[in-house]
Amino acid sequence: MAFANCREQVYIFSWLTDYTDTKEMTMKLKEKLKEEGYSRFRGAVDASVYEYFNCDRSWKAEWYLKEDHFRCCGCKERCETSDPEGFQLFLDLG
């Protein structure tokens, strides 16, 4: 039984390390994108975009926009596209 606990501890440590590394990489990417002139996309992203990228983590997506180029930094895949289809900006009525 101690072996099973040891394996579980190694797995949990490995997962936390990967999670921390991914989170740090995401933070660095966000900073880099902002330095390159990207801004956070605040509109709606259609499900078809996530289907196109075969994304199973759409709940983590954070899209950035520069001119007509969209980049996501929600996971390690770092998806990007220049196709605006599926990205809808909200109108500012105020």
Protein backbone atom coordinates (compact mmCIF):
# COMPACT_ATOMS: atom_id res chain seq x y z
CA MET A 1 0.00 0.00 0.00
CA ALA A 2 2.89 2.40 0.61
CA PHE A 3 3.93 1.96 -3.03
CA ALA A 4 0.51 3.07 -4.24
CA ASN A 5 0.70 6.15 -2.02
CA CYS A 6 4.18 6.90 -3.29
CA ARG A 7 3.00 6.66 -6.91
CA GLU A 8 0.07 8.89 -6.11
CA GLN A 9 2.37 11.45 -4.53
CA VAL A 10 4.70 11.39 -7.53
CA TYR A 11 1.74 11.79 -9.89
CA ILE A 12 0.31 14.69 -7.89
CA PHE A 13 3.71 16.39 -7.70
CA SER A 14 4.22 15.89 -11.44
CA TRP A 15 0.77 17.31 -12.20
CA LEU A 16 1.32 20.33 -9.95
CA THR A 17 4.71 20.98 -11.55
CA ASP A 18 3.21 20.79 -15.03
CA TYR A 19 0.33 23.02 -13.95
CA THR A 20 2.70 25.59 -12.45
CA ASP A 21 4.97 25.53 -15.52
CA THR A 22 1.99 25.92 -17.84
CA LYS A 23 0.57 28.75 -15.75
CA GLU A 24 3.94 30.56 -15.73
CA MET A 25 4.30 30.07 -19.50
CA THR A 26 0.78 31.43 -20.01
CA MET A 27 1.55 34.50 -17.91
CA LYS A 28 4.74 35.12 -19.90
CA LEU A 29 2.88 34.69 -23.18
CA LYS A 30 0.21 37.18 -22.09
CA GLU A 31 2.91 39.72 -21.25
CA LYS A 32 4.64 39.08 -24.59
CA LEU A 33 1.39 39.47 -26.52
CA LYS A 34 0.67 42.79 -24.81
CA GLU A 35 4.21 43.98 -25.61
CA GLU A 36 3.61 43.03 -29.27
CA GLY A 37 0.47 45.19 -29.38
CA TYR A 38 -2.21 42.55 -28.80
CA SER A 39 -5.19 43.35 -26.59
CA ARG A 40 -7.61 41.01 -24.86
CA PHE A 41 -10.52 40.05 -27.10
CA ARG A 42 -13.68 40.88 -25.14
CA GLY A 43 -16.26 39.55 -27.56
CA ALA A 44 -18.01 36.24 -28.00
CA VAL A 45 -16.24 33.24 -29.52
CA ASP A 46 -18.50 30.79 -31.30
CA ALA A 47 -18.26 27.06 -30.56
CA SER A 48 -17.26 26.47 -34.20
CA VAL A 49 -13.87 28.07 -33.46
CA TYR A 50 -13.17 25.50 -30.75
CA GLU A 51 -14.43 22.70 -32.98
CA TYR A 52 -12.06 23.81 -35.74
CA PHE A 53 -9.10 23.65 -33.35
CA ASN A 54 -10.36 20.42 -31.72
CA CYS A 55 -10.20 22.25 -28.41
CA ASP A 56 -11.42 20.39 -25.36
CA ARG A 57 -10.48 23.23 -23.00
CA SER A 58 -12.62 26.06 -24.35
CA TRP A 59 -13.44 27.07 -20.79
CA LYS A 60 -9.75 28.06 -20.36
CA ALA A 61 -9.52 30.08 -23.57
CA GLU A 62 -8.19 33.63 -23.44
CA TRP A 63 -8.14 35.23 -26.86
CA TYR A 64 -6.01 38.21 -27.83
CA LEU A 65 -6.43 40.37 -30.94
CA LYS A 66 -4.04 42.49 -33.00
CA GLU A 67 -5.46 43.97 -36.18
CA ASP A 68 -7.11 40.88 -37.73
CA HIS A 69 -5.06 38.22 -35.97
CA PHE A 70 -6.45 36.20 -33.06
CA ARG A 71 -4.25 34.26 -30.64
CA CYS A 72 -5.30 32.10 -27.71
CA CYS A 73 -3.17 31.51 -24.64
CA GLY A 74 -5.56 29.36 -22.63
CA CYS A 75 -3.52 26.15 -22.91
CA LYS A 76 -0.25 24.84 -24.28
CA GLU A 77 -1.57 24.56 -27.86
CA ARG A 78 -1.45 28.35 -28.41
CA CYS A 79 -4.01 28.38 -31.23
CA GLU A 80 -4.07 31.29 -33.65
CA THR A 81 -6.02 32.37 -36.71
CA SER A 82 -6.52 35.30 -39.03
CA ASP A 83 -10.05 34.20 -39.90
CA PRO A 84 -12.55 36.44 -38.07
CA GLU A 85 -15.40 33.95 -38.56
CA GLY A 86 -16.71 32.90 -35.18
CA PHE A 87 -15.42 35.99 -33.34
CA GLN A 88 -18.13 38.52 -32.54
CA LEU A 89 -17.39 41.88 -30.95
CA PHE A 90 -19.94 43.42 -28.64
CA LEU A 91 -21.28 46.81 -29.66
CA ASP A 92 -20.67 49.68 -27.26
CA LEU A 93 -24.04 51.43 -27.07
CA GLY A 94 -23.04 53.84 -24.35
